[in-house]
C-alpha cells in the first residue's frame, strides 16, 4: 500500500472517530497545529521518518511537543500511529485529514496570484464568485503577489484555473500571432 493511501485511510479513520466523539472541529484544529509544527521543523519530520529511532522515543517527542495542547483523541491517535511504526506518514496524514474535513464541510481553497495585494473588496468578490460557481460553503483565500503578472490575477480552485492577468493575455496573444490564428 502506498504511503498516500495509508495516510488517507488513517485520516478517514480519525475523521470517523472524531465525528463519533463529537470533536471533529477540535481534532481538525489539532491536525492543523501538527501540520504546521512538522512543516516548520524539518528535524521533527526527519525524526518521524527515521526507522532507526525507537518508537517509544518518537512517541515521547510527540507527547513532549503536543502533550496537553491537543485533544485526548489526538494524543491517542499519535501514540497509535507511532506504535504501528507509521510515524513516517504522520505529516501526510495531517494533510489528508484537513483535505477530507474540508470536503465534508464544503470548504474550498482559492489560490489567487495577483500583481498587487488584493483589497478586502477584491477578496470578498472572489469569495462570492467561487461560492456561486463551485457551490462551496466557505472559501479560504491563499494570496500570492507576483509583479511579473503586470496586472490582473490568476485564480486556481482545485483543478480549475482562470487566468485574468495581463501577462497571460499577452502570452496568449503572442501564441496566436505566432500560429497565425488572429
N, C-alpha and C. Protein backbone atom coordinates (compact mmCIF):
# COMPACT_ATOMS: atom_id res chain seq x y z
N UNK A 1 0.85 -1.17 0.00
CA UNK A 1 0.00 0.00 0.00
C UNK A 1 0.90 1.24 0.00
N UNK A 2 0.60 2.19 -0.86
CA UNK A 2 1.43 3.39 -0.92
C UNK A 2 1.22 4.24 0.32
N UNK A 3 2.22 5.10 0.58
CA UNK A 3 2.15 5.95 1.76
C UNK A 3 0.93 6.88 1.71
N UNK A 4 0.60 7.41 0.52
CA UNK A 4 -0.53 8.32 0.41
C UNK A 4 -1.86 7.62 0.70
N UNK A 5 -2.00 6.39 0.23
CA UNK A 5 -3.23 5.64 0.50
C UNK A 5 -3.33 5.35 1.99
N UNK A 6 -2.21 4.98 2.60
CA UNK A 6 -2.21 4.69 4.04
C UNK A 6 -2.56 5.96 4.81
N UNK A 7 -1.97 7.08 4.44
CA UNK A 7 -2.24 8.35 5.12
C UNK A 7 -3.72 8.70 4.98
N UNK A 8 -4.28 8.50 3.80
CA UNK A 8 -5.68 8.79 3.57
C UNK A 8 -6.58 7.89 4.42
N UNK A 9 -6.21 6.64 4.54
CA UNK A 9 -7.01 5.71 5.35
C UNK A 9 -6.93 6.05 6.83
N UNK A 10 -5.74 6.38 7.30
CA UNK A 10 -5.60 6.78 8.70
C UNK A 10 -6.42 8.05 8.97
N UNK A 11 -6.36 9.00 8.03
CA UNK A 11 -7.11 10.24 8.18
C UNK A 11 -8.61 9.97 8.22
N UNK A 12 -9.08 9.08 7.35
CA UNK A 12 -10.50 8.73 7.31
C UNK A 12 -10.94 8.09 8.62
N UNK A 13 -10.10 7.20 9.15
CA UNK A 13 -10.43 6.55 10.42
C UNK A 13 -10.50 7.59 11.55
N UNK A 14 -9.58 8.55 11.53
CA UNK A 14 -9.58 9.59 12.56
C UNK A 14 -10.81 10.49 12.41
N UNK A 15 -11.19 10.81 11.19
CA UNK A 15 -12.40 11.61 10.97
C UNK A 15 -13.63 10.87 11.50
N UNK A 16 -13.70 9.59 11.22
CA UNK A 16 -14.84 8.79 11.71
C UNK A 16 -14.89 8.79 13.23
N UNK A 17 -13.74 8.60 13.87
CA UNK A 17 -13.68 8.60 15.33
C UNK A 17 -14.02 9.97 15.89
N UNK A 18 -13.48 11.02 15.29
CA UNK A 18 -13.75 12.39 15.75
C UNK A 18 -15.23 12.73 15.62
N UNK A 19 -15.85 12.28 14.54
CA UNK A 19 -17.28 12.51 14.34
C UNK A 19 -18.08 11.79 15.41
N UNK A 20 -17.69 10.55 15.66
CA UNK A 20 -18.36 9.74 16.68
C UNK A 20 -18.22 10.37 18.07
N UNK A 21 -17.07 10.97 18.34
CA UNK A 21 -16.79 11.59 19.63
C UNK A 21 -17.29 13.04 19.72
N UNK A 22 -17.91 13.54 18.64
CA UNK A 22 -18.39 14.92 18.58
C UNK A 22 -17.26 15.94 18.78
N UNK A 23 -16.11 15.66 18.22
CA UNK A 23 -14.96 16.55 18.40
C UNK A 23 -14.23 16.80 17.08
N UNK A 24 -14.96 16.76 15.98
CA UNK A 24 -14.36 16.90 14.65
C UNK A 24 -13.62 18.23 14.49
N UNK A 25 -14.24 19.33 14.88
CA UNK A 25 -13.62 20.65 14.72
C UNK A 25 -12.35 20.77 15.57
N UNK A 26 -12.40 20.26 16.81
CA UNK A 26 -11.23 20.33 17.68
C UNK A 26 -10.07 19.52 17.12
N UNK A 27 -10.37 18.35 16.62
CA UNK A 27 -9.31 17.50 16.09
C UNK A 27 -8.78 18.06 14.78
N UNK A 28 -9.63 18.71 14.01
CA UNK A 28 -9.15 19.39 12.79
C UNK A 28 -8.16 20.46 13.17
N UNK A 29 -8.46 21.23 14.23
CA UNK A 29 -7.51 22.26 14.70
C UNK A 29 -6.20 21.63 15.15
N UNK A 30 -6.28 20.46 15.78
CA UNK A 30 -5.07 19.74 16.19
C UNK A 30 -4.25 19.34 14.97
N UNK A 31 -4.92 18.87 13.93
CA UNK A 31 -4.22 18.44 12.71
C UNK A 31 -3.53 19.63 12.04
N UNK A 32 -4.19 20.79 12.06
CA UNK A 32 -3.58 22.00 11.51
C UNK A 32 -2.33 22.35 12.33
N UNK A 33 -2.44 22.28 13.65
CA UNK A 33 -1.30 22.56 14.52
C UNK A 33 -0.15 21.60 14.24
N UNK A 34 -0.44 20.31 14.18
CA UNK A 34 0.60 19.30 13.94
C UNK A 34 1.24 19.50 12.57
N UNK A 35 0.41 19.76 11.57
CA UNK A 35 0.95 20.00 10.22
C UNK A 35 1.89 21.20 10.22
N UNK A 36 1.48 22.29 10.88
CA UNK A 36 2.31 23.49 10.91
C UNK A 36 3.63 23.24 11.64
N UNK A 37 3.56 22.54 12.77
CA UNK A 37 4.79 22.26 13.54
C UNK A 37 5.75 21.41 12.73
N UNK A 38 5.24 20.36 12.10
CA UNK A 38 6.12 19.49 11.29
C UNK A 38 6.65 20.26 10.08
N UNK A 39 5.79 21.06 9.47
CA UNK A 39 6.19 21.84 8.30
C UNK A 39 7.29 22.84 8.63
N UNK A 40 7.24 23.42 9.81
CA UNK A 40 8.23 24.42 10.20
C UNK A 40 9.46 23.83 10.86
N UNK A 41 9.44 22.52 11.15
CA UNK A 41 10.55 21.90 11.85
C UNK A 41 11.00 20.65 11.09
N UNK A 42 11.95 20.82 10.18
CA UNK A 42 12.41 19.70 9.36
C UNK A 42 13.07 18.61 10.20
N UNK A 43 13.65 18.98 11.35
CA UNK A 43 14.26 17.97 12.23
C UNK A 43 13.20 17.01 12.76
N UNK A 44 12.03 17.53 13.12
CA UNK A 44 10.96 16.67 13.61
C UNK A 44 10.51 15.72 12.51
N UNK A 45 10.37 16.22 11.30
CA UNK A 45 9.96 15.36 10.19
C UNK A 45 11.01 14.27 9.95
N UNK A 46 12.28 14.63 10.05
CA UNK A 46 13.36 13.65 9.88
C UNK A 46 13.30 12.58 10.96
N UNK A 47 13.05 12.99 12.19
CA UNK A 47 12.94 12.04 13.30
C UNK A 47 11.78 11.07 13.06
N UNK A 48 10.64 11.61 12.64
CA UNK A 48 9.46 10.77 12.41
C UNK A 48 9.68 9.77 11.28
N UNK A 49 10.48 10.15 10.29
CA UNK A 49 10.71 9.28 9.14
C UNK A 49 11.87 8.31 9.34
N UNK A 50 12.67 8.52 10.37
CA UNK A 50 13.85 7.70 10.59
C UNK A 50 13.48 6.37 11.26
N UNK A 51 13.69 5.25 10.57
CA UNK A 51 13.31 3.95 11.14
C UNK A 51 14.24 3.47 12.26
N UNK A 52 15.39 4.11 12.41
CA UNK A 52 16.37 3.71 13.43
C UNK A 52 15.97 4.21 14.82
N UNK A 53 15.28 5.34 14.87
CA UNK A 53 14.89 5.92 16.16
C UNK A 53 13.78 5.06 16.77
N UNK A 54 13.96 4.64 18.02
CA UNK A 54 12.97 3.78 18.67
C UNK A 54 11.58 4.43 18.74
N UNK A 55 10.55 3.59 18.63
CA UNK A 55 9.17 4.07 18.62
C UNK A 55 8.81 4.80 19.91
N UNK A 56 9.28 4.29 21.05
CA UNK A 56 8.96 4.95 22.31
C UNK A 56 9.59 6.33 22.41
N UNK A 57 10.75 6.53 21.79
CA UNK A 57 11.39 7.84 21.77
C UNK A 57 10.58 8.82 20.90
N UNK A 58 10.12 8.33 19.74
CA UNK A 58 9.28 9.15 18.86
C UNK A 58 8.00 9.55 19.59
N UNK A 59 7.39 8.60 20.26
CA UNK A 59 6.16 8.86 21.00
C UNK A 59 6.39 9.90 22.09
N UNK A 60 7.51 9.78 22.80
CA UNK A 60 7.84 10.73 23.86
C UNK A 60 8.09 12.13 23.29
N UNK A 61 8.71 12.20 22.14
CA UNK A 61 8.96 13.50 21.50
C UNK A 61 7.63 14.17 21.13
N UNK A 62 6.74 13.41 20.50
CA UNK A 62 5.43 13.97 20.13
C UNK A 62 4.63 14.37 21.36
N UNK A 63 4.69 13.55 22.40
CA UNK A 63 3.97 13.88 23.63
C UNK A 63 4.55 15.13 24.27
N UNK A 64 5.88 15.27 24.20
CA UNK A 64 6.53 16.47 24.75
C UNK A 64 6.15 17.73 23.99
N UNK A 65 6.00 17.60 22.68
CA UNK A 65 5.66 18.77 21.86
C UNK A 65 4.18 19.12 21.99
N UNK A 66 3.32 18.11 21.86
CA UNK A 66 1.88 18.38 21.81
C UNK A 66 1.16 18.12 23.12
N UNK A 67 1.65 17.17 23.90
CA UNK A 67 1.13 16.85 25.22
C UNK A 67 -0.28 17.26 25.50
N UNK A 68 -0.44 18.21 26.38
CA UNK A 68 -1.78 18.65 26.83
C UNK A 68 -2.42 19.67 25.89
N UNK A 69 -1.70 20.10 24.85
CA UNK A 69 -2.26 21.14 23.98
C UNK A 69 -3.21 20.58 22.91
N UNK A 70 -3.30 19.25 22.80
CA UNK A 70 -4.21 18.65 21.82
C UNK A 70 -5.27 17.81 22.52
N UNK A 71 -6.33 17.53 21.80
CA UNK A 71 -7.45 16.73 22.30
C UNK A 71 -6.97 15.33 22.68
N UNK A 72 -7.63 14.71 23.63
CA UNK A 72 -7.23 13.36 24.07
C UNK A 72 -7.29 12.35 22.93
N UNK A 73 -8.25 12.49 22.01
CA UNK A 73 -8.33 11.59 20.86
C UNK A 73 -7.10 11.76 19.98
N UNK A 74 -6.65 12.99 19.81
CA UNK A 74 -5.46 13.26 19.01
C UNK A 74 -4.23 12.64 19.67
N UNK A 75 -4.10 12.78 20.98
CA UNK A 75 -2.97 12.17 21.70
C UNK A 75 -2.95 10.66 21.50
N UNK A 76 -4.11 10.02 21.65
CA UNK A 76 -4.19 8.58 21.44
C UNK A 76 -3.86 8.20 20.00
N UNK A 77 -4.33 9.02 19.07
CA UNK A 77 -4.06 8.78 17.66
C UNK A 77 -2.55 8.84 17.38
N UNK A 78 -1.87 9.86 17.92
CA UNK A 78 -0.43 9.98 17.72
C UNK A 78 0.30 8.75 18.26
N UNK A 79 -0.10 8.31 19.45
CA UNK A 79 0.52 7.12 20.04
C UNK A 79 0.28 5.88 19.18
N UNK A 80 -0.93 5.75 18.65
CA UNK A 80 -1.27 4.60 17.81
C UNK A 80 -0.43 4.59 16.54
N UNK A 81 -0.37 5.72 15.87
CA UNK A 81 0.38 5.81 14.60
C UNK A 81 1.85 5.44 14.85
N UNK A 82 2.43 5.96 15.91
CA UNK A 82 3.83 5.67 16.21
C UNK A 82 3.99 4.20 16.60
N UNK A 83 3.11 3.68 17.44
CA UNK A 83 3.24 2.28 17.89
C UNK A 83 3.10 1.29 16.73
N UNK A 84 2.39 1.67 15.69
CA UNK A 84 2.24 0.81 14.50
C UNK A 84 3.41 0.99 13.53
N UNK A 85 4.38 1.83 13.90
CA UNK A 85 5.54 2.06 13.04
C UNK A 85 5.23 2.89 11.82
N UNK A 86 4.19 3.73 11.90
CA UNK A 86 3.75 4.53 10.75
C UNK A 86 3.99 6.03 10.95
N UNK A 87 4.92 6.38 11.82
CA UNK A 87 5.17 7.80 12.08
C UNK A 87 5.64 8.55 10.83
N UNK A 88 6.21 7.83 9.88
CA UNK A 88 6.69 8.47 8.64
C UNK A 88 5.55 9.10 7.84
N UNK A 89 4.33 8.59 8.03
CA UNK A 89 3.20 9.14 7.25
C UNK A 89 2.38 10.15 8.04
N UNK A 90 2.85 10.51 9.22
CA UNK A 90 2.08 11.43 10.08
C UNK A 90 1.83 12.77 9.38
N UNK A 91 2.84 13.33 8.75
CA UNK A 91 2.70 14.62 8.07
C UNK A 91 1.67 14.50 6.93
N UNK A 92 1.78 13.43 6.14
CA UNK A 92 0.81 13.22 5.05
C UNK A 92 -0.59 12.99 5.59
N UNK A 93 -0.67 12.33 6.74
CA UNK A 93 -1.98 12.06 7.35
C UNK A 93 -2.66 13.35 7.78
N UNK A 94 -1.89 14.29 8.33
CA UNK A 94 -2.50 15.56 8.74
C UNK A 94 -3.05 16.31 7.53
N UNK A 95 -2.30 16.29 6.44
CA UNK A 95 -2.78 16.95 5.22
C UNK A 95 -4.03 16.27 4.67
N UNK A 96 -4.02 14.92 4.68
CA UNK A 96 -5.18 14.17 4.19
C UNK A 96 -6.40 14.44 5.07
N UNK A 97 -6.20 14.52 6.38
CA UNK A 97 -7.30 14.80 7.30
C UNK A 97 -7.92 16.16 6.97
N UNK A 98 -7.08 17.16 6.81
CA UNK A 98 -7.57 18.52 6.53
C UNK A 98 -8.31 18.56 5.19
N UNK A 99 -7.77 17.87 4.18
CA UNK A 99 -8.45 17.81 2.87
C UNK A 99 -9.83 17.16 3.02
N UNK A 100 -9.89 16.02 3.71
CA UNK A 100 -11.16 15.31 3.89
C UNK A 100 -12.15 16.13 4.72
N UNK A 101 -11.65 16.80 5.74
CA UNK A 101 -12.50 17.67 6.56
C UNK A 101 -13.11 18.77 5.69
N UNK A 102 -12.27 19.39 4.86
CA UNK A 102 -12.74 20.47 4.00
C UNK A 102 -13.82 20.00 3.03
N UNK A 103 -13.67 18.78 2.52
CA UNK A 103 -14.69 18.23 1.62
C UNK A 103 -16.00 18.05 2.37
N UNK A 104 -15.93 17.49 3.57
CA UNK A 104 -17.13 17.26 4.38
C UNK A 104 -17.85 18.58 4.68
N UNK A 105 -17.09 19.60 5.00
CA UNK A 105 -17.66 20.89 5.40
C UNK A 105 -17.90 21.84 4.24
N UNK A 106 -17.58 21.44 3.01
CA UNK A 106 -17.80 22.30 1.84
C UNK A 106 -16.86 23.49 1.80
N UNK A 107 -15.63 23.29 2.26
CA UNK A 107 -14.63 24.36 2.29
C UNK A 107 -13.68 24.16 1.12
N UNK A 108 -13.48 25.21 0.33
CA UNK A 108 -12.52 25.14 -0.77
C UNK A 108 -11.44 26.21 -0.58
N UNK A 109 -10.28 25.93 -1.15
CA UNK A 109 -9.19 26.89 -1.10
C UNK A 109 -9.03 27.50 -2.48
N UNK A 110 -9.02 28.81 -2.53
CA UNK A 110 -8.82 29.53 -3.77
C UNK A 110 -7.44 30.19 -3.71
N UNK A 111 -6.56 29.79 -4.62
CA UNK A 111 -5.24 30.40 -4.69
C UNK A 111 -5.31 31.54 -5.69
N UNK A 112 -5.03 32.74 -5.20
CA UNK A 112 -5.09 33.92 -6.06
C UNK A 112 -3.70 34.52 -6.17
N UNK A 113 -3.20 34.57 -7.39
CA UNK A 113 -1.91 35.21 -7.65
C UNK A 113 -2.22 36.50 -8.39
N UNK A 114 -1.77 37.61 -7.83
CA UNK A 114 -2.06 38.90 -8.45
C UNK A 114 -0.80 39.76 -8.49
N UNK A 115 -0.87 40.81 -9.29
CA UNK A 115 0.28 41.71 -9.44
C UNK A 115 0.48 42.56 -8.19
N UNK A 116 -0.61 42.85 -7.50
CA UNK A 116 -0.55 43.64 -6.26
C UNK A 116 -1.40 42.95 -5.19
N UNK A 117 -1.24 43.37 -3.95
CA UNK A 117 -2.02 42.80 -2.86
C UNK A 117 -3.50 43.11 -3.07
N UNK A 118 -4.33 42.10 -2.88
CA UNK A 118 -5.77 42.27 -3.05
C UNK A 118 -6.37 43.11 -1.93
N UNK A 119 -7.36 43.90 -2.28
CA UNK A 119 -8.10 44.64 -1.26
C UNK A 119 -9.14 43.71 -0.65
N UNK A 120 -9.71 44.12 0.46
CA UNK A 120 -10.78 43.32 1.09
C UNK A 120 -11.97 43.19 0.15
N UNK A 121 -12.26 44.24 -0.61
CA UNK A 121 -13.38 44.19 -1.57
C UNK A 121 -13.08 43.16 -2.67
N UNK A 122 -11.82 43.11 -3.15
CA UNK A 122 -11.43 42.11 -4.15
C UNK A 122 -11.62 40.70 -3.60
N UNK A 123 -11.17 40.49 -2.37
CA UNK A 123 -11.28 39.17 -1.74
C UNK A 123 -12.74 38.76 -1.59
N UNK A 124 -13.57 39.70 -1.15
CA UNK A 124 -15.00 39.41 -0.97
C UNK A 124 -15.65 39.05 -2.30
N UNK A 125 -15.27 39.75 -3.36
CA UNK A 125 -15.82 39.46 -4.68
C UNK A 125 -15.40 38.07 -5.16
N UNK A 126 -14.12 37.72 -4.94
CA UNK A 126 -13.62 36.40 -5.33
C UNK A 126 -14.36 35.32 -4.55
N UNK A 127 -14.52 35.54 -3.25
CA UNK A 127 -15.22 34.57 -2.40
C UNK A 127 -16.65 34.36 -2.91
N UNK A 128 -17.33 35.45 -3.23
CA UNK A 128 -18.72 35.36 -3.72
C UNK A 128 -18.80 34.58 -5.03
N UNK A 129 -17.89 34.86 -5.94
CA UNK A 129 -17.89 34.19 -7.24
C UNK A 129 -17.60 32.69 -7.06
N UNK A 130 -16.59 32.37 -6.25
CA UNK A 130 -16.23 30.96 -6.04
C UNK A 130 -17.37 30.21 -5.36
N UNK A 131 -18.00 30.83 -4.37
CA UNK A 131 -19.14 30.17 -3.70
C UNK A 131 -20.25 29.88 -4.70
N UNK A 132 -20.52 30.85 -5.57
CA UNK A 132 -21.60 30.69 -6.54
C UNK A 132 -21.25 29.63 -7.58
N UNK A 133 -20.05 29.68 -8.12
CA UNK A 133 -19.66 28.77 -9.20
C UNK A 133 -19.41 27.34 -8.72
N UNK A 134 -18.81 27.18 -7.55
CA UNK A 134 -18.44 25.86 -7.04
C UNK A 134 -19.51 25.30 -6.11
N UNK A 135 -20.29 26.19 -5.50
CA UNK A 135 -21.27 25.75 -4.52
C UNK A 135 -20.64 25.48 -3.17
N UNK A 136 -19.57 26.18 -2.86
CA UNK A 136 -18.85 25.98 -1.60
C UNK A 136 -19.56 26.69 -0.45
N UNK A 137 -19.42 26.14 0.74
CA UNK A 137 -19.96 26.76 1.94
C UNK A 137 -19.02 27.85 2.44
N UNK A 138 -17.72 27.61 2.29
CA UNK A 138 -16.71 28.55 2.78
C UNK A 138 -15.54 28.54 1.80
N UNK A 139 -14.91 29.68 1.62
CA UNK A 139 -13.77 29.81 0.72
C UNK A 139 -12.59 30.39 1.50
N UNK A 140 -11.47 29.69 1.44
CA UNK A 140 -10.24 30.17 2.06
C UNK A 140 -9.36 30.70 0.93
N UNK A 141 -8.94 31.95 1.06
CA UNK A 141 -8.11 32.55 0.02
C UNK A 141 -6.65 32.49 0.43
N UNK A 142 -5.85 31.91 -0.45
CA UNK A 142 -4.39 31.92 -0.28
C UNK A 142 -3.87 32.87 -1.34
N UNK A 143 -3.28 33.95 -0.87
CA UNK A 143 -2.89 35.02 -1.77
C UNK A 143 -1.39 35.02 -2.01
N UNK A 144 -1.01 35.22 -3.28
CA UNK A 144 0.40 35.38 -3.67
C UNK A 144 0.49 36.63 -4.53
N UNK A 145 1.59 37.35 -4.38
CA UNK A 145 1.82 38.52 -5.21
C UNK A 145 2.98 38.21 -6.16
N UNK A 146 2.76 38.45 -7.45
CA UNK A 146 3.77 38.22 -8.47
C UNK A 146 3.75 39.41 -9.43
N UNK A 147 4.76 40.29 -9.30
CA UNK A 147 4.80 41.51 -10.13
C UNK A 147 4.92 41.21 -11.61
N UNK A 148 5.36 40.00 -11.97
CA UNK A 148 5.51 39.63 -13.39
C UNK A 148 4.17 39.58 -14.11
N UNK A 149 3.08 39.53 -13.36
CA UNK A 149 1.76 39.48 -13.99
C UNK A 149 1.35 40.82 -14.59
N UNK A 150 2.02 41.88 -14.23
CA UNK A 150 1.77 43.25 -14.69
C UNK A 150 0.47 43.78 -14.11
N UNK A 151 -0.60 43.06 -14.26
CA UNK A 151 -1.91 43.45 -13.74
C UNK A 151 -2.84 42.25 -13.81
N UNK A 152 -3.98 42.35 -13.16
CA UNK A 152 -4.94 41.26 -13.16
C UNK A 152 -4.59 40.19 -12.13
N UNK A 153 -5.09 38.96 -12.37
CA UNK A 153 -4.86 37.89 -11.40
C UNK A 153 -5.04 36.52 -12.06
N UNK A 154 -4.55 35.50 -11.36
CA UNK A 154 -4.77 34.10 -11.74
C UNK A 154 -5.45 33.45 -10.55
N UNK A 155 -6.58 32.80 -10.80
CA UNK A 155 -7.35 32.16 -9.74
C UNK A 155 -7.35 30.65 -9.97
N UNK A 156 -6.93 29.89 -8.95
CA UNK A 156 -6.94 28.43 -9.01
C UNK A 156 -7.82 27.91 -7.88
N UNK A 157 -8.78 27.07 -8.25
CA UNK A 157 -9.63 26.40 -7.27
C UNK A 157 -9.65 24.94 -7.67
N UNK A 158 -9.01 24.11 -6.85
CA UNK A 158 -8.90 22.69 -7.19
C UNK A 158 -8.13 22.53 -8.48
N UNK A 159 -8.73 21.86 -9.46
CA UNK A 159 -8.07 21.65 -10.74
C UNK A 159 -8.49 22.67 -11.80
N UNK A 160 -9.25 23.67 -11.39
CA UNK A 160 -9.69 24.72 -12.31
C UNK A 160 -8.78 25.93 -12.18
N UNK A 161 -8.51 26.59 -13.32
CA UNK A 161 -7.69 27.80 -13.29
C UNK A 161 -8.30 28.83 -14.23
N UNK A 162 -8.34 30.07 -13.75
CA UNK A 162 -8.84 31.19 -14.54
C UNK A 162 -7.74 32.24 -14.57
N UNK A 163 -7.23 32.54 -15.77
CA UNK A 163 -6.13 33.50 -15.91
C UNK A 163 -6.68 34.81 -16.46
N UNK A 164 -6.77 35.81 -15.58
CA UNK A 164 -7.22 37.14 -15.98
C UNK A 164 -6.08 38.13 -15.83
N UNK A 165 -4.84 37.65 -16.05
CA UNK A 165 -3.69 38.53 -15.89
C UNK A 165 -3.32 39.14 -17.24
N UNK A 166 -2.69 40.29 -17.18
CA UNK A 166 -2.23 40.94 -18.41
C UNK A 166 -1.12 40.12 -19.05
N UNK A 167 -0.21 39.58 -18.21
CA UNK A 167 0.87 38.74 -18.73
C UNK A 167 0.31 37.52 -19.44
N UNK A 168 -0.74 36.91 -18.88
CA UNK A 168 -1.37 35.75 -19.51
C UNK A 168 -2.02 36.12 -20.83
N UNK A 169 -2.66 37.27 -20.86
CA UNK A 169 -3.30 37.74 -22.10
C UNK A 169 -2.26 38.02 -23.17
N UNK A 170 -1.15 38.65 -22.77
CA UNK A 170 -0.07 38.94 -23.72
C UNK A 170 0.54 37.64 -24.26
N UNK A 171 0.72 36.67 -23.37
CA UNK A 171 1.28 35.38 -23.78
C UNK A 171 0.34 34.68 -24.77
N UNK A 172 -0.95 34.73 -24.49
CA UNK A 172 -1.95 34.11 -25.37
C UNK A 172 -1.94 34.80 -26.74
N UNK A 173 -1.88 36.14 -26.73
CA UNK A 173 -1.84 36.90 -27.97
C UNK A 173 -0.58 36.56 -28.77
N UNK A 174 0.55 36.45 -28.08
CA UNK A 174 1.81 36.10 -28.72
C UNK A 174 1.70 34.73 -29.38
N UNK A 175 1.09 33.76 -28.70
CA UNK A 175 0.91 32.42 -29.26
C UNK A 175 0.01 32.45 -30.49
N UNK A 176 -1.06 33.24 -30.40
CA UNK A 176 -1.98 33.35 -31.54
C UNK A 176 -1.29 33.98 -32.75
N UNK A 177 -0.49 35.04 -32.49
CA UNK A 177 0.24 35.69 -33.59
C UNK A 177 1.27 34.74 -34.21
N UNK A 178 1.93 33.97 -33.38
CA UNK A 178 2.95 33.04 -33.86
C UNK A 178 2.33 31.93 -34.74
N UNK A 179 1.10 31.56 -34.44
CA UNK A 179 0.45 30.49 -35.20
C UNK A 179 -0.53 31.03 -36.23
N UNK A 180 -0.58 32.36 -36.39
CA UNK A 180 -1.43 32.97 -37.39
C UNK A 180 -2.92 32.77 -37.14
N UNK A 181 -3.31 32.68 -35.87
CA UNK A 181 -4.70 32.43 -35.52
C UNK A 181 -5.53 33.71 -35.54
N UNK A 182 -4.92 34.85 -35.32
CA UNK A 182 -5.63 36.10 -35.17
C UNK A 182 -6.37 36.48 -36.38
